Protein backbone atom coordinates (compact mmCIF):
# COMPACT_ATOMS: atom_id res chain seq x y z
CA UNK A 1 6.85 8.97 -34.14
CA UNK A 2 7.96 7.44 -30.85
CA UNK A 3 4.48 7.28 -29.31
CA UNK A 4 3.31 5.46 -32.42
CA UNK A 5 6.26 3.05 -32.36
CA UNK A 6 5.70 2.22 -28.69
CA UNK A 7 1.91 1.92 -28.94
CA UNK A 8 2.02 -1.71 -30.16
CA UNK A 9 1.71 -4.49 -27.62
CA UNK A 10 5.05 -5.98 -28.68
CA UNK A 11 8.23 -4.21 -27.58
CA UNK A 12 9.89 -2.34 -30.46
CA UNK A 13 13.39 -3.24 -29.23
CA UNK A 14 12.53 -6.41 -27.34
CA UNK A 15 12.42 -6.97 -23.60
CA UNK A 16 16.05 -8.06 -23.11
CA UNK A 17 18.60 -5.47 -22.04
CA UNK A 18 21.29 -4.40 -24.47
CA UNK A 19 24.16 -6.93 -24.65
CA UNK A 20 26.91 -4.37 -24.04
CA UNK A 21 25.09 -3.02 -20.99
CA UNK A 22 24.63 -6.56 -19.65
CA UNK A 23 28.37 -7.21 -19.98
CA UNK A 24 29.50 -3.94 -18.34
CA UNK A 25 26.79 -2.76 -15.88
CA UNK A 26 28.68 -4.10 -12.84
CA UNK A 27 31.24 -1.30 -13.25
CA UNK A 28 28.55 1.09 -11.96
CA UNK A 29 28.87 1.38 -8.16
CA UNK A 30 26.65 -1.29 -6.60
CA UNK A 31 23.14 -0.18 -5.62
CA UNK A 32 23.75 3.32 -6.99
CA UNK A 33 21.47 5.83 -8.69
CA UNK A 34 21.35 5.29 -12.45
CA UNK A 35 19.86 7.47 -15.18
CA UNK A 36 18.82 5.85 -18.48
CA UNK A 37 18.67 8.35 -21.37
CA UNK A 38 16.05 7.99 -24.14
CA UNK A 39 14.96 4.79 -22.41
CA UNK A 40 11.77 4.12 -24.40
CA UNK A 41 9.94 1.02 -23.20
CA UNK A 42 12.27 0.34 -20.27
CA UNK A 43 14.16 -2.86 -21.10
CA UNK A 44 17.51 -1.53 -19.86
CA UNK A 45 16.05 0.31 -16.86
CA UNK A 46 14.19 -2.79 -15.68
CA UNK A 47 17.30 -4.94 -16.07
CA UNK A 48 19.30 -2.51 -13.92
CA UNK A 49 16.54 -2.31 -11.30
CA UNK A 50 16.62 -6.11 -11.07
CA UNK A 51 20.34 -5.84 -10.29
CA UNK A 52 19.56 -3.59 -7.30
CA UNK A 53 20.10 -0.14 -8.79
CA UNK A 54 17.83 2.88 -8.18
CA UNK A 55 16.83 3.66 -11.75
CA UNK A 56 15.35 6.74 -13.40
CA UNK A 57 14.28 6.46 -17.04
CA UNK A 58 13.89 9.63 -19.10
CA UNK A 59 12.24 9.70 -22.52
CA UNK A 60 10.14 12.07 -24.61
CA UNK A 61 7.45 9.41 -25.15
CA UNK A 62 4.83 9.06 -22.39
CA UNK A 63 3.54 5.95 -24.20
CA UNK A 64 6.96 4.30 -23.96
CA UNK A 65 7.36 5.17 -20.29
CA UNK A 66 3.92 3.81 -19.34
CA UNK A 67 5.05 0.53 -20.91
CA UNK A 68 8.31 0.79 -18.98
CA UNK A 69 6.48 1.24 -15.66
CA UNK A 70 4.22 -1.72 -16.41
CA UNK A 71 7.19 -3.84 -17.48
CA UNK A 72 8.97 -3.00 -14.22
CA UNK A 73 5.89 -3.97 -12.23
CA UNK A 74 5.63 -7.29 -14.09
CA UNK A 75 9.26 -7.94 -13.12
CA UNK A 76 8.72 -7.10 -9.45
CA UNK A 77 10.80 -3.92 -9.45
CA UNK A 78 10.19 -0.17 -9.42
CA UNK A 79 11.68 2.48 -11.67
CA UNK A 80 11.15 6.25 -11.75
CA UNK A 81 10.14 7.76 -15.08
CA UNK A 82 10.40 11.31 -16.40
CA UNK A 83 8.76 12.46 -19.63
CA UNK A 84 11.09 15.09 -21.06
CA UNK A 85 12.83 16.25 -24.19
CA UNK A 86 16.56 15.79 -23.59
CA UNK A 87 17.10 19.33 -24.86
CA UNK A 88 15.16 20.63 -21.83
CA UNK A 89 16.10 18.05 -19.21
CA UNK A 90 18.61 19.03 -16.52
CA UNK A 91 20.76 16.07 -15.47
CA UNK A 92 21.90 17.88 -12.31
CA UNK A 93 25.38 18.00 -10.81
CA UNK A 94 27.20 15.18 -8.97
CA UNK A 95 23.90 13.30 -8.94
CA UNK A 96 24.32 9.92 -10.64
CA UNK A 97 26.43 6.83 -9.95
CA UNK A 98 25.74 5.68 -13.49
CA UNK A 99 24.32 7.06 -16.73
CA UNK A 100 23.30 4.76 -19.58
CA UNK A 101 22.89 5.81 -23.20
CA UNK A 102 21.82 2.99 -25.54
CA UNK A 103 21.07 4.12 -29.11
CA UNK A 104 20.19 7.61 -27.86
CA UNK A 105 20.68 9.32 -31.21
CA UNK A 106 20.07 13.08 -31.13
CA UNK A 107 21.21 16.01 -33.30
CA UNK A 108 24.91 16.97 -32.88
CA UNK A 109 24.25 20.27 -31.04
CA UNK A 110 22.12 18.43 -28.46
CA UNK A 111 24.50 15.48 -28.20
CA UNK A 112 27.41 17.79 -27.33
CA UNK A 113 25.31 19.64 -24.75
CA UNK A 114 24.06 16.36 -23.30
CA UNK A 115 27.51 14.81 -23.02
CA UNK A 116 28.86 17.93 -21.30
CA UNK A 117 26.01 17.53 -18.79
CA UNK A 118 26.82 13.81 -18.38
CA UNK A 119 30.34 14.67 -17.21
CA UNK A 120 29.04 17.24 -14.69
CA UNK A 121 26.18 15.13 -13.40
CA UNK A 122 28.15 11.97 -12.61
CA UNK A 123 29.37 11.55 -9.05
CA UNK A 124 33.05 10.82 -8.44
CA UNK A 125 33.73 7.25 -9.64
CA UNK A 126 30.44 7.36 -11.56
CA UNK A 127 30.26 5.38 -14.80
CA UNK A 128 28.90 6.31 -18.23
CA UNK A 129 27.93 3.41 -20.52
CA UNK A 130 27.09 4.12 -24.16
CA UNK A 131 26.40 2.10 -27.27
CA UNK A 132 25.34 3.82 -30.49
CA UNK A 133 25.42 3.21 -34.21
CA UNK A 134 28.31 4.56 -36.31
CA UNK A 135 28.38 5.91 -39.85
CA UNK A 136 29.77 2.61 -41.09
CA UNK A 137 26.45 1.00 -40.14
CA UNK A 138 24.86 2.67 -43.18
CA UNK A 139 26.90 0.29 -45.39
CA UNK A 140 25.77 -2.82 -43.51
CA UNK A 141 22.72 -5.06 -43.81
CA UNK A 142 21.55 -4.73 -40.22
CA UNK A 143 18.41 -2.81 -39.25
CA UNK A 144 18.82 -0.05 -36.66
CA UNK A 145 19.86 3.50 -36.02
CA UNK A 146 18.89 6.70 -37.81
CA UNK A 147 19.32 6.90 -41.59
CA UNK A 148 21.05 10.30 -41.54
CA UNK A 149 24.79 10.54 -40.90
CA UNK A 150 24.68 13.53 -38.57
CA UNK A 151 22.80 11.55 -35.92
CA UNK A 152 25.35 8.71 -35.87
CA UNK A 153 28.32 8.71 -33.51
CA UNK A 154 32.05 8.05 -33.64
CA UNK A 155 34.68 7.28 -31.02
CA UNK A 156 36.69 10.32 -32.13
CA UNK A 157 33.80 12.74 -31.50
CA UNK A 158 32.78 11.09 -28.24
CA UNK A 159 36.33 11.30 -26.88
CA UNK A 160 36.14 15.08 -27.32
CA UNK A 161 32.56 15.45 -26.05
CA UNK A 162 33.22 13.39 -22.92
CA UNK A 163 36.36 15.28 -21.91
CA UNK A 164 36.69 14.88 -18.16
CA UNK A 165 35.93 11.14 -18.12
CA UNK A 166 38.53 8.37 -18.18
CA UNK A 167 37.75 5.79 -20.85
CA UNK A 168 37.82 2.22 -19.54
CA UNK A 169 36.47 0.97 -22.89
CA UNK A 170 36.34 3.01 -26.08
CA UNK A 171 35.93 1.09 -29.31
CA UNK A 172 34.11 0.86 -32.62
CA UNK A 173 33.07 -2.71 -33.38
CA UNK A 174 30.94 -4.72 -35.76
CA UNK A 175 28.53 -7.05 -34.00
CA UNK A 176 25.29 -8.96 -34.52
CA UNK A 177 22.39 -7.29 -32.72
CA UNK A 178 19.01 -8.87 -32.03
CA UNK A 179 16.79 -6.43 -30.13
CA UNK A 180 13.17 -6.59 -31.21
CA UNK A 181 12.00 -5.60 -34.67
CA UNK A 182 14.02 -2.40 -35.06
CA UNK A 183 17.56 -3.48 -34.06
CA UNK A 184 18.47 -6.59 -36.04
CA UNK A 185 21.44 -8.08 -37.87
CA UNK A 186 25.05 -7.15 -38.57
CA UNK A 187 25.67 -3.70 -37.14
CA UNK A 188 28.50 -1.24 -36.58
CA UNK A 189 28.52 0.45 -33.18
CA UNK A 190 30.65 2.56 -30.88
CA UNK A 191 30.91 1.33 -27.29
CA UNK A 192 32.08 3.32 -24.30
CA UNK A 193 32.55 2.74 -20.60
CA UNK A 194 33.98 5.86 -18.97
CA UNK A 195 34.63 6.81 -15.35
CA UNK A 196 34.60 10.17 -13.62
CA UNK A 197 37.66 10.27 -11.42
CA UNK A 198 37.39 11.72 -7.93
């Protein structure tokens, strides 16, 4: 599915970084190592690289990551890319100054495993930034997110899954999203900025 979605010349989710990431990225230690989860075509990774971060993008789609590399090159920056299923990918320990998860919707068992790894793999004072669709989004007109409830996220669940991080921002909000063809219109999302204390 993802290779097919990313095989078009146009960017499925646009070329602009996510709005929430743009407003909060500076909380990540300056110039640090950042991991972008399920990064697709690279819009968020390239934005962060342009801000001086050392960025690694991981995604299961080689087609998406080729586009991401090319997009980085067009913008005069470099990013590292790793083709991997998040179920098999080891985030490491005390490795990252920042981890970014924008609409990285995965099954609950994997999400819990992944978020446990996020806590371990952040360095002290590292920052986790997440935006994802909530169940309420299914009642709204906006386009985006998976159609099945189990893949959607809530602040309540994330607070449990990210035990060990201090929440700087933790909220569920309705907002207008305009990110390419597949994220459009009035949407309901959960937003998190969380820090790993030293």
